[in-house]
Amino acid sequence: MKSANFFKSKLFLIQIGIALLVTIILIWITLISLRWYTHHGEELEVPDLYGMSLEEAENKLESEQLKFSIYDSIFNPNFAPGSVLDQRPLAGSIVKRKRNLFLTINANQPEQIRFPNLVDNSFRQAYELLITNGFKIGKLEYRENQFFNLVLYPKYNGDTIHAESLINKGSSIDLVLGKGDNNGIIAPNLLGKINSQAEEKIILSNMNLGRIKFDASISNHSDSIQAKVWKQSPSFTNNQKMRPGSKIDIWLTRDSLKLQRADSLLQKRLSTLLY
C-alpha cells in the first residue's frame, strides 16, 4: 500500500520529470555532437580560386573548411608562378565541408617536349599525337594537295616546325593540311556544348573556331568555363557547305531559359527539314 502511495506521490513525479528532462538533454547533446562531427546537411558553394596565389587559395579554402591537393602544373606566361589556373570541382559547385579540391597551378618554367613527327600523317593521327604530348591544336590551314586532311607540315608561331624540336608543353600548333577534292563541309551542331567541347568538335569537323561571344549571364572565369553554346554562325540547320578551315562563331550563356528556347527552335527547324 505504501509503494502504491509512493508512485502517486509528488516526490515520485518530480523524479520522473527530472529523469525525462535529463534524457531529453542527453539526446539533444548527442544529436548536436553528431551534427558537428559529420557536418550533416552543411553544404557550401565552391569559391572561385582562378588567378589566386597558392597562399591566397589556401587561406580562402581554410576559411571555408575545404581542403586541396595540387593535381597538375602547366605554364602560362600571363600568370605568376604558383597561381591557380584550374580547379575541380569548378567554382560555384555545391559540396560538403572538408571536401578535397584538385588544383592546377602555374609552373615556374615551361616543360619542353620533343616534337613528334606529323608529316604525312592523317589529320586525326596528328591530332591524337599532339593532344597526347600535351600540345594544343591551333589553326587549320588547307593547301592544294590530292589527299584530303594529309598533314603537309606543322607550324609554331608562324614558322615550320620539325620533328624532335624542343617545344614548350601546352603550345598551340597550327597544321597545314591537304585540300584534296573535298566538296565542302556542313557545320556541326554545337548547341548545348561548353566552350572546350565546342572547340574540339569544330576542329574535328575540319574547321576553325571564330569569335566567342558571352552574354550578360557570364560574370567570371568560372562562368565562362561552364557556359554553353546557344547560338552559332553558320547554323547547323542551314545546310550551307563551307570550305575546310572556315570559321564558326559561337555565342555562350549560362541562362537555362535561353538554352531551352534555342533547343526548341532547333528541333522545329530540324522537323521542317525532315518533312
C-alpha atoms as a PDB file:
ATOM      1  CA  MET A   1       0.000   0.000   0.000  1.00  0.00           C
ATOM      2  CA  LYS A   2       2.902   2.285   0.855  1.00  0.00           C
ATOM      3  CA  SER A   3       4.560   1.573  -2.502  1.00  0.00           C
ATOM      4  CA  ALA A   4       1.337   2.383  -4.334  1.00  0.00           C
ATOM      5  CA  ASN A   5       1.132   5.684  -2.475  1.00  0.00           C
ATOM      6  CA  PHE A   6       4.786   6.407  -3.361  1.00  0.00           C
ATOM      7  CA  PHE A   7       4.110   6.074  -7.099  1.00  0.00           C
ATOM      8  CA  LYS A   8       1.340   8.632  -6.657  1.00  0.00           C
ATOM      9  CA  SER A   9       3.416  10.959  -4.542  1.00  0.00           C
ATOM     10  CA  LYS A  10       4.759  14.347  -5.567  1.00  0.00           C
ATOM     11  CA  LEU A  11       8.357  13.183  -4.991  1.00  0.00           C
ATOM     12  CA  PHE A  12       7.993  10.338  -7.485  1.00  0.00           C
ATOM     13  CA  LEU A  13       6.539  12.643 -10.119  1.00  0.00           C
ATOM     14  CA  ILE A  14       9.403  15.101  -9.601  1.00  0.00           C
ATOM     15  CA  GLN A  15      11.958  12.298 -10.012  1.00  0.00           C
ATOM     16  CA  ILE A  16      10.247  11.093 -13.192  1.00  0.00           C
ATOM     17  CA  GLY A  17      10.247  14.648 -14.538  1.00  0.00           C
ATOM     18  CA  ILE A  18      13.950  15.080 -13.782  1.00  0.00           C
ATOM     19  CA  ALA A  19      14.773  11.742 -15.437  1.00  0.00           C
ATOM     20  CA  LEU A  20      12.837  12.696 -18.574  1.00  0.00           C
ATOM     21  CA  LEU A  21      14.486  16.115 -18.688  1.00  0.00           C
ATOM     22  CA  VAL A  22      17.970  14.606 -18.336  1.00  0.00           C
ATOM     23  CA  THR A  23      17.182  12.059 -21.079  1.00  0.00           C
ATOM     24  CA  ILE A  24      15.972  14.802 -23.445  1.00  0.00           C
ATOM     25  CA  ILE A  25      19.070  16.911 -22.738  1.00  0.00           C
ATOM     26  CA  LEU A  26      21.386  13.939 -23.373  1.00  0.00           C
ATOM     27  CA  ILE A  27      19.644  13.130 -26.661  1.00  0.00           C
ATOM     28  CA  TRP A  28      19.868  16.785 -27.736  1.00  0.00           C
ATOM     29  CA  ILE A  29      23.586  16.953 -26.879  1.00  0.00           C
ATOM     30  CA  THR A  30      24.211  13.704 -28.798  1.00  0.00           C
ATOM     31  CA  LEU A  31      22.416  14.980 -31.912  1.00  0.00           C
ATOM     32  CA  ILE A  32      24.266  18.312 -31.810  1.00  0.00           C
ATOM     33  CA  SER A  33      27.589  16.485 -31.400  1.00  0.00           C
ATOM     34  CA  LEU A  34      26.876  14.187 -34.330  1.00  0.00           C
ATOM     35  CA  ARG A  35      25.837  17.127 -36.484  1.00  0.00           C
ATOM     36  CA  TRP A  36      29.037  18.971 -35.608  1.00  0.00           C
ATOM     37  CA  TYR A  37      31.167  15.882 -36.214  1.00  0.00           C
ATOM     38  CA  THR A  38      29.679  14.881 -39.556  1.00  0.00           C
ATOM     39  CA  HIS A  39      28.657  18.393 -40.751  1.00  0.00           C
ATOM     40  CA  HIS A  40      25.337  16.806 -41.681  1.00  0.00           C
ATOM     41  CA  GLY A  41      23.472  18.931 -44.215  1.00  0.00           C
ATOM     42  CA  GLU A  42      26.187  21.622 -44.270  1.00  0.00           C
ATOM     43  CA  GLU A  43      26.861  22.452 -47.890  1.00  0.00           C
ATOM     44  CA  LEU A  44      28.577  25.413 -49.459  1.00  0.00           C
ATOM     45  CA  GLU A  45      29.445  26.882 -52.817  1.00  0.00           C
ATOM     46  CA  VAL A  46      32.998  26.292 -54.028  1.00  0.00           C
ATOM     47  CA  PRO A  47      34.826  29.659 -54.247  1.00  0.00           C
ATOM     48  CA  ASP A  48      36.499  30.870 -57.442  1.00  0.00           C
ATOM     49  CA  LEU A  49      40.269  30.457 -56.974  1.00  0.00           C
ATOM     50  CA  TYR A  50      41.292  31.300 -60.556  1.00  0.00           C
ATOM     51  CA  GLY A  51      44.358  33.559 -60.649  1.00  0.00           C
ATOM     52  CA  MET A  52      44.935  33.439 -56.874  1.00  0.00           C
ATOM     53  CA  SER A  53      48.371  32.671 -55.477  1.00  0.00           C
ATOM     54  CA  LEU A  54      48.647  29.293 -53.775  1.00  0.00           C
ATOM     55  CA  GLU A  55      48.827  31.034 -50.386  1.00  0.00           C
ATOM     56  CA  GLU A  56      45.677  33.060 -51.094  1.00  0.00           C
ATOM     57  CA  ALA A  57      43.861  29.946 -52.278  1.00  0.00           C
ATOM     58  CA  GLU A  58      44.954  28.004 -49.193  1.00  0.00           C
ATOM     59  CA  ASN A  59      43.723  30.759 -46.854  1.00  0.00           C
ATOM     60  CA  LYS A  60      40.421  31.023 -48.710  1.00  0.00           C
ATOM     61  CA  LEU A  61      39.805  27.281 -48.600  1.00  0.00           C
ATOM     62  CA  GLU A  62      40.819  27.066 -44.945  1.00  0.00           C
ATOM     63  CA  SER A  63      38.264  29.750 -44.064  1.00  0.00           C
ATOM     64  CA  GLU A  64      35.601  27.673 -45.849  1.00  0.00           C
ATOM     65  CA  GLN A  65      36.775  24.435 -44.172  1.00  0.00           C
ATOM     66  CA  LEU A  66      37.784  22.941 -47.511  1.00  0.00           C
ATOM     67  CA  LYS A  67      40.960  21.055 -48.372  1.00  0.00           C
ATOM     68  CA  PHE A  68      43.027  20.888 -51.562  1.00  0.00           C
ATOM     69  CA  SER A  69      45.624  18.855 -53.435  1.00  0.00           C
ATOM     70  CA  ILE A  70      47.842  20.006 -56.305  1.00  0.00           C
ATOM     71  CA  TYR A  71      46.781  17.852 -59.235  1.00  0.00           C
ATOM     72  CA  ASP A  72      48.934  19.264 -62.049  1.00  0.00           C
ATOM     73  CA  SER A  73      51.111  22.180 -63.115  1.00  0.00           C
ATOM     74  CA  ILE A  74      51.246  23.884 -66.505  1.00  0.00           C
ATOM     75  CA  PHE A  75      52.994  27.020 -67.695  1.00  0.00           C
ATOM     76  CA  ASN A  76      51.172  30.224 -68.602  1.00  0.00           C
ATOM     77  CA  PRO A  77      53.363  33.329 -69.076  1.00  0.00           C
ATOM     78  CA  ASN A  78      50.425  35.610 -68.229  1.00  0.00           C
ATOM     79  CA  PHE A  79      50.314  34.455 -64.589  1.00  0.00           C
ATOM     80  CA  ALA A  80      52.756  34.424 -61.688  1.00  0.00           C
ATOM     81  CA  PRO A  81      54.339  31.066 -60.785  1.00  0.00           C
ATOM     82  CA  GLY A  82      52.132  29.143 -58.361  1.00  0.00           C
ATOM     83  CA  SER A  83      48.908  30.861 -59.464  1.00  0.00           C
ATOM     84  CA  VAL A  84      45.791  28.704 -59.658  1.00  0.00           C
ATOM     85  CA  LEU A  85      44.877  28.059 -63.299  1.00  0.00           C
ATOM     86  CA  ASP A  86      42.177  25.427 -62.849  1.00  0.00           C
ATOM     87  CA  GLN A  87      40.184  23.748 -60.110  1.00  0.00           C
ATOM     88  CA  ARG A  88      37.951  20.708 -59.738  1.00  0.00           C
ATOM     89  CA  PRO A  89      35.172  20.850 -58.647  1.00  0.00           C
ATOM     90  CA  LEU A  90      34.592  24.119 -60.502  1.00  0.00           C
ATOM     91  CA  ALA A  91      33.725  27.348 -58.741  1.00  0.00           C
ATOM     92  CA  GLY A  92      30.020  27.511 -57.976  1.00  0.00           C
ATOM     93  CA  SER A  93      29.697  23.756 -57.411  1.00  0.00           C
ATOM     94  CA  ILE A  94      27.881  22.733 -54.215  1.00  0.00           C
ATOM     95  CA  VAL A  95      29.943  20.497 -51.915  1.00  0.00           C
ATOM     96  CA  LYS A  96      30.127  19.498 -48.253  1.00  0.00           C
ATOM     97  CA  ARG A  97      32.722  20.946 -45.917  1.00  0.00           C
ATOM     98  CA  LYS A  98      36.056  19.104 -45.726  1.00  0.00           C
ATOM     99  CA  ARG A  99      35.756  18.300 -49.462  1.00  0.00           C
ATOM    100  CA  ASN A 100      39.106  18.000 -51.229  1.00  0.00           C
ATOM    101  CA  LEU A 101      39.625  20.257 -54.260  1.00  0.00           C
ATOM    102  CA  PHE A 102      42.145  19.447 -57.000  1.00  0.00           C
ATOM    103  CA  LEU A 103      44.132  22.448 -58.237  1.00  0.00           C
ATOM    104  CA  THR A 104      46.234  23.021 -61.348  1.00  0.00           C
ATOM    105  CA  ILE A 105      48.875  25.676 -60.716  1.00  0.00           C
ATOM    106  CA  ASN A 106      51.207  27.707 -62.909  1.00  0.00           C
ATOM    107  CA  ALA A 107      54.665  26.153 -63.211  1.00  0.00           C
ATOM    108  CA  ASN A 108      57.858  28.160 -62.613  1.00  0.00           C
ATOM    109  CA  GLN A 109      59.005  27.489 -66.152  1.00  0.00           C
ATOM    110  CA  PRO A 110      57.618  25.627 -69.159  1.00  0.00           C
ATOM    111  CA  GLU A 111      58.311  21.943 -69.621  1.00  0.00           C
ATOM    112  CA  GLN A 112      59.846  21.283 -73.024  1.00  0.00           C
ATOM    113  CA  ILE A 113      58.826  18.300 -75.137  1.00  0.00           C
ATOM    114  CA  ARG A 114      60.399  16.810 -78.240  1.00  0.00           C
ATOM    115  CA  PHE A 115      58.011  17.458 -81.092  1.00  0.00           C
ATOM    116  CA  PRO A 116      56.562  14.335 -82.770  1.00  0.00           C
ATOM    117  CA  ASN A 117      56.760  13.691 -86.490  1.00  0.00           C
ATOM    118  CA  LEU A 118      53.427  14.691 -88.015  1.00  0.00           C
ATOM    119  CA  VAL A 119      54.284  14.999 -91.710  1.00  0.00           C
ATOM    120  CA  ASP A 120      52.366  12.580 -93.975  1.00  0.00           C
ATOM    121  CA  ASN A 121      50.107  11.506 -91.110  1.00  0.00           C
ATOM    122  CA  SER A 122      46.349  11.894 -91.351  1.00  0.00           C
ATOM    123  CA  PHE A 123      44.854  14.839 -89.510  1.00  0.00           C
ATOM    124  CA  ARG A 124      43.239  12.520 -86.962  1.00  0.00           C
ATOM    125  CA  GLN A 125      46.560  10.795 -86.229  1.00  0.00           C
ATOM    126  CA  ALA A 126      48.283  14.170 -85.863  1.00  0.00           C
ATOM    127  CA  TYR A 127      45.510  15.392 -83.579  1.00  0.00           C
ATOM    128  CA  GLU A 128      45.929  12.412 -81.240  1.00  0.00           C
ATOM    129  CA  LEU A 129      49.736  12.781 -81.208  1.00  0.00           C
ATOM    130  CA  LEU A 130      49.542  16.477 -80.334  1.00  0.00           C
ATOM    131  CA  ILE A 131      46.973  16.028 -77.566  1.00  0.00           C
ATOM    132  CA  THR A 132      48.820  13.021 -76.109  1.00  0.00           C
ATOM    133  CA  ASN A 133      52.063  15.025 -75.966  1.00  0.00           C
ATOM    134  CA  GLY A 134      50.429  17.971 -74.216  1.00  0.00           C
ATOM    135  CA  PHE A 135      50.059  20.382 -77.128  1.00  0.00           C
ATOM    136  CA  LYS A 136      47.011  22.342 -78.271  1.00  0.00           C
ATOM    137  CA  ILE A 137      45.556  22.450 -81.764  1.00  0.00           C
ATOM    138  CA  GLY A 138      45.757  25.920 -83.255  1.00  0.00           C
ATOM    139  CA  LYS A 139      44.598  26.916 -86.725  1.00  0.00           C
ATOM    140  CA  LEU A 140      43.878  24.508 -89.575  1.00  0.00           C
ATOM    141  CA  GLU A 141      45.079  25.692 -92.984  1.00  0.00           C
ATOM    142  CA  TYR A 142      44.364  23.912 -96.258  1.00  0.00           C
ATOM    143  CA  ARG A 143      46.637  23.830 -99.324  1.00  0.00           C
ATOM    144  CA  GLU A 144      46.351  22.267-102.756  1.00  0.00           C
ATOM    145  CA  ASN A 145      47.135  18.571-102.476  1.00  0.00           C
ATOM    146  CA  GLN A 146      45.479  15.462-103.848  1.00  0.00           C
ATOM    147  CA  PHE A 147      44.995  13.946-100.380  1.00  0.00           C
ATOM    148  CA  PHE A 148      42.376  15.488 -98.096  1.00  0.00           C
ATOM    149  CA  ASN A 149      43.489  16.020 -94.480  1.00  0.00           C
ATOM    150  CA  LEU A 150      47.050  14.785 -95.052  1.00  0.00           C
ATOM    151  CA  VAL A 151      49.473  16.737 -92.833  1.00  0.00           C
ATOM    152  CA  LEU A 152      51.821  18.681 -95.130  1.00  0.00           C
ATOM    153  CA  TYR A 153      53.669  20.412 -92.283  1.00  0.00           C
ATOM    154  CA  PRO A 154      53.028  21.804 -88.781  1.00  0.00           C
ATOM    155  CA  LYS A 155      53.697  25.420 -87.723  1.00  0.00           C
ATOM    156  CA  TYR A 156      54.594  27.028 -84.410  1.00  0.00           C
ATOM    157  CA  ASN A 157      54.395  30.818 -84.020  1.00  0.00           C
ATOM    158  CA  GLY A 158      54.060  31.110 -87.790  1.00  0.00           C
ATOM    159  CA  ASP A 159      57.168  29.070 -88.643  1.00  0.00           C
ATOM    160  CA  THR A 160      57.509  25.494 -89.851  1.00  0.00           C
ATOM    161  CA  ILE A 161      58.466  23.145 -87.040  1.00  0.00           C
ATOM    162  CA  HIS A 162      60.418  19.922 -87.486  1.00  0.00           C
ATOM    163  CA  ALA A 163      60.270  16.616 -85.627  1.00  0.00           C
ATOM    164  CA  GLU A 164      62.464  16.355 -82.496  1.00  0.00           C
ATOM    165  CA  SER A 165      62.485  20.141 -81.963  1.00  0.00           C
ATOM    166  CA  LEU A 166      62.092  21.120 -78.294  1.00  0.00           C
ATOM    167  CA  ILE A 167      58.771  22.926 -77.823  1.00  0.00           C
ATOM    168  CA  ASN A 168      57.091  24.188 -74.660  1.00  0.00           C
ATOM    169  CA  LYS A 169      54.358  21.883 -73.407  1.00  0.00           C
ATOM    170  CA  GLY A 170      50.939  23.443 -73.901  1.00  0.00           C
ATOM    171  CA  SER A 171      51.972  25.361 -77.020  1.00  0.00           C
ATOM    172  CA  SER A 172      49.437  25.870 -79.801  1.00  0.00           C
ATOM    173  CA  ILE A 173      50.365  24.129 -83.064  1.00  0.00           C
ATOM    174  CA  ASP A 174      48.902  25.066 -86.452  1.00  0.00           C
ATOM    175  CA  LEU A 175      48.507  22.362 -89.078  1.00  0.00           C
ATOM    176  CA  VAL A 176      48.786  22.789 -92.843  1.00  0.00           C
ATOM    177  CA  LEU A 177      46.683  20.066 -94.464  1.00  0.00           C
ATOM    178  CA  GLY A 178      45.923  18.749 -97.925  1.00  0.00           C
ATOM    179  CA  LYS A 179      42.799  20.126 -99.556  1.00  0.00           C
ATOM    180  CA  GLY A 180      42.045  17.092-101.729  1.00  0.00           C
ATOM    181  CA  ASP A 181      38.834  17.194-103.762  1.00  0.00           C
ATOM    182  CA  ASN A 182      36.567  17.925-100.796  1.00  0.00           C
ATOM    183  CA  ASN A 183      33.273  19.452-101.922  1.00  0.00           C
ATOM    184  CA  GLY A 184      32.541  21.279 -98.691  1.00  0.00           C
ATOM    185  CA  ILE A 185      31.596  20.606 -95.083  1.00  0.00           C
ATOM    186  CA  ILE A 186      28.365  21.275 -93.189  1.00  0.00           C
ATOM    187  CA  ALA A 187      28.759  22.988 -89.815  1.00  0.00           C
ATOM    188  CA  PRO A 188      28.402  20.653 -86.807  1.00  0.00           C
ATOM    189  CA  ASN A 189      25.657  21.085 -84.207  1.00  0.00           C
ATOM    190  CA  LEU A 190      27.241  22.860 -81.212  1.00  0.00           C
ATOM    191  CA  LEU A 191      24.093  23.689 -79.241  1.00  0.00           C
ATOM    192  CA  GLY A 192      24.464  22.918 -75.521  1.00  0.00           C
ATOM    193  CA  LYS A 193      28.230  22.320 -75.697  1.00  0.00           C
ATOM    194  CA  ILE A 194      30.581  24.077 -73.294  1.00  0.00           C
ATOM    195  CA  ASN A 195      33.369  26.141 -74.858  1.00  0.00           C
ATOM    196  CA  SER A 196      36.046  23.428 -74.807  1.00  0.00           C
ATOM    197  CA  GLN A 197      33.658  20.800 -76.227  1.00  0.00           C
ATOM    198  CA  ALA A 198      32.537  23.148 -78.997  1.00  0.00           C
ATOM    199  CA  GLU A 199      36.128  23.967 -79.935  1.00  0.00           C
ATOM    200  CA  GLU A 200      37.055  20.279 -80.085  1.00  0.00           C
ATOM    201  CA  LYS A 201      34.026  19.457 -82.250  1.00  0.00           C
ATOM    202  CA  ILE A 202      34.802  22.347 -84.605  1.00  0.00           C
ATOM    203  CA  ILE A 203      38.427  21.250 -85.019  1.00  0.00           C
ATOM    204  CA  LEU A 204      37.468  17.609 -85.593  1.00  0.00           C
ATOM    205  CA  SER A 205      34.996  18.818 -88.243  1.00  0.00           C
ATOM    206  CA  ASN A 206      37.967  20.362 -90.117  1.00  0.00           C
ATOM    207  CA  MET A 207      37.009  23.939 -89.274  1.00  0.00           C
ATOM    208  CA  ASN A 208      38.342  26.721 -87.059  1.00  0.00           C
ATOM    209  CA  LEU A 209      36.823  28.448 -84.055  1.00  0.00           C
ATOM    210  CA  GLY A 210      35.962  32.043 -84.884  1.00  0.00           C
ATOM    211  CA  ARG A 211      34.662  34.651 -82.453  1.00  0.00           C
ATOM    212  CA  ILE A 212      33.473  33.689 -78.977  1.00  0.00           C
ATOM    213  CA  LYS A 213      30.747  35.897 -77.510  1.00  0.00           C
ATOM    214  CA  PHE A 214      29.496  35.733 -73.911  1.00  0.00           C
ATOM    215  CA  ASP A 215      26.170  37.209 -72.819  1.00  0.00           C
ATOM    216  CA  ALA A 216      25.355  39.084 -69.585  1.00  0.00           C
ATOM    217  CA  SER A 217      24.981  35.835 -67.608  1.00  0.00           C
ATOM    218  CA  ILE A 218      28.781  35.401 -67.691  1.00  0.00           C
ATOM    219  CA  SER A 219      30.473  37.388 -64.921  1.00  0.00           C
ATOM    220  CA  ASN A 220      33.692  35.500 -64.123  1.00  0.00           C
ATOM    221  CA  HIS A 221      36.145  32.864 -65.330  1.00  0.00           C
ATOM    222  CA  SER A 222      34.168  30.015 -63.783  1.00  0.00           C
ATOM    223  CA  ASP A 223      31.026  31.140 -65.642  1.00  0.00           C
ATOM    224  CA  SER A 224      32.948  31.220 -68.934  1.00  0.00           C
ATOM    225  CA  ILE A 225      34.097  27.607 -68.425  1.00  0.00           C
ATOM    226  CA  GLN A 226      30.591  26.327 -67.646  1.00  0.00           C
ATOM    227  CA  ALA A 227      28.717  28.441 -70.217  1.00  0.00           C
ATOM    228  CA  LYS A 228      27.057  26.588 -73.108  1.00  0.00           C
ATOM    229  CA  VAL A 229      26.526  27.401 -76.772  1.00  0.00           C
ATOM    230  CA  TRP A 230      23.068  28.772 -77.506  1.00  0.00           C
ATOM    231  CA  LYS A 231      23.822  30.173 -80.966  1.00  0.00           C
ATOM    232  CA  GLN A 232      26.324  29.556 -83.746  1.00  0.00           C
ATOM    233  CA  SER A 233      27.128  31.006 -87.151  1.00  0.00           C
ATOM    234  CA  PRO A 234      26.940  29.396 -89.657  1.00  0.00           C
ATOM    235  CA  SER A 235      23.974  27.491 -88.271  1.00  0.00           C
ATOM    236  CA  PHE A 236      23.821  23.710 -88.155  1.00  0.00           C
ATOM    237  CA  THR A 237      20.426  23.727 -89.873  1.00  0.00           C
ATOM    238  CA  ASN A 238      21.072  25.868 -92.945  1.00  0.00           C
ATOM    239  CA  ASN A 239      22.842  23.045 -94.870  1.00  0.00           C
ATOM    240  CA  GLN A 240      25.391  25.558 -96.113  1.00  0.00           C
ATOM    241  CA  LYS A 241      28.550  23.837 -97.342  1.00  0.00           C
ATOM    242  CA  MET A 242      31.744  25.500 -96.175  1.00  0.00           C
ATOM    243  CA  ARG A 243      35.351  25.219 -97.245  1.00  0.00           C
ATOM    244  CA  PRO A 244      37.593  23.205 -94.877  1.00  0.00           C
ATOM    245  CA  GLY A 245      39.298  25.612 -92.499  1.00  0.00           C
ATOM    246  CA  SER A 246      36.329  28.033 -92.409  1.00  0.00           C
ATOM    247  CA  LYS A 247      35.464  29.744 -89.120  1.00  0.00           C
ATOM    248  CA  ILE A 248      32.445  29.148 -86.892  1.00  0.00           C
ATOM    249  CA  ASP A 249      31.406  31.853 -84.404  1.00  0.00           C
ATOM    250  CA  ILE A 250      29.724  30.806 -81.153  1.00  0.00           C
ATOM    251  CA  TRP A 251      27.597  32.567 -78.510  1.00  0.00           C
ATOM    252  CA  LEU A 252      27.629  31.227 -74.950  1.00  0.00           C
ATOM    253  CA  THR A 253      25.341  31.629 -71.947  1.00  0.00           C
ATOM    254  CA  ARG A 254      24.515  30.208 -68.511  1.00  0.00           C
ATOM    255  CA  ASP A 255      20.863  31.203 -68.932  1.00  0.00           C
ATOM    256  CA  SER A 256      18.925  27.902 -68.911  1.00  0.00           C
ATOM    257  CA  LEU A 257      15.810  29.511 -70.428  1.00  0.00           C
ATOM    258  CA  LYS A 258      17.827  30.842 -73.361  1.00  0.00           C
ATOM    259  CA  LEU A 259      19.283  27.366 -73.919  1.00  0.00           C
ATOM    260  CA  GLN A 260      15.817  25.775 -73.772  1.00  0.00           C
ATOM    261  CA  ARG A 261      14.435  28.261 -76.303  1.00  0.00           C
ATOM    262  CA  ALA A 262      17.407  27.655 -78.604  1.00  0.00           C
ATOM    263  CA  ASP A 263      16.919  23.880 -78.396  1.00  0.00           C
ATOM    264  CA  SER A 264      13.184  24.212 -79.090  1.00  0.00           C
ATOM    265  CA  LEU A 265      13.892  26.372 -82.144  1.00  0.00           C
ATOM    266  CA  LEU A 266      16.487  23.874 -83.374  1.00  0.00           C
ATOM    267  CA  GLN A 267      14.029  20.972 -83.095  1.00  0.00           C
ATOM    268  CA  LYS A 268      11.413  22.913 -85.085  1.00  0.00           C
ATOM    269  CA  ARG A 269      13.929  23.667 -87.836  1.00  0.00           C
ATOM    270  CA  LEU A 270      15.061  20.049 -87.955  1.00  0.00           C
ATOM    271  CA  SER A 271      11.468  18.808 -88.239  1.00  0.00           C
ATOM    272  CA  THR A 272      10.907  21.286 -91.096  1.00  0.00           C
ATOM    273  CA  LEU A 273      13.966  19.962 -92.915  1.00  0.00           C
ATOM    274  CA  LEU A 274      12.884  16.341 -92.470  1.00  0.00           C
ATOM    275  CA  TYR A 275       9.341  16.776 -93.805  1.00  0.00           C
END
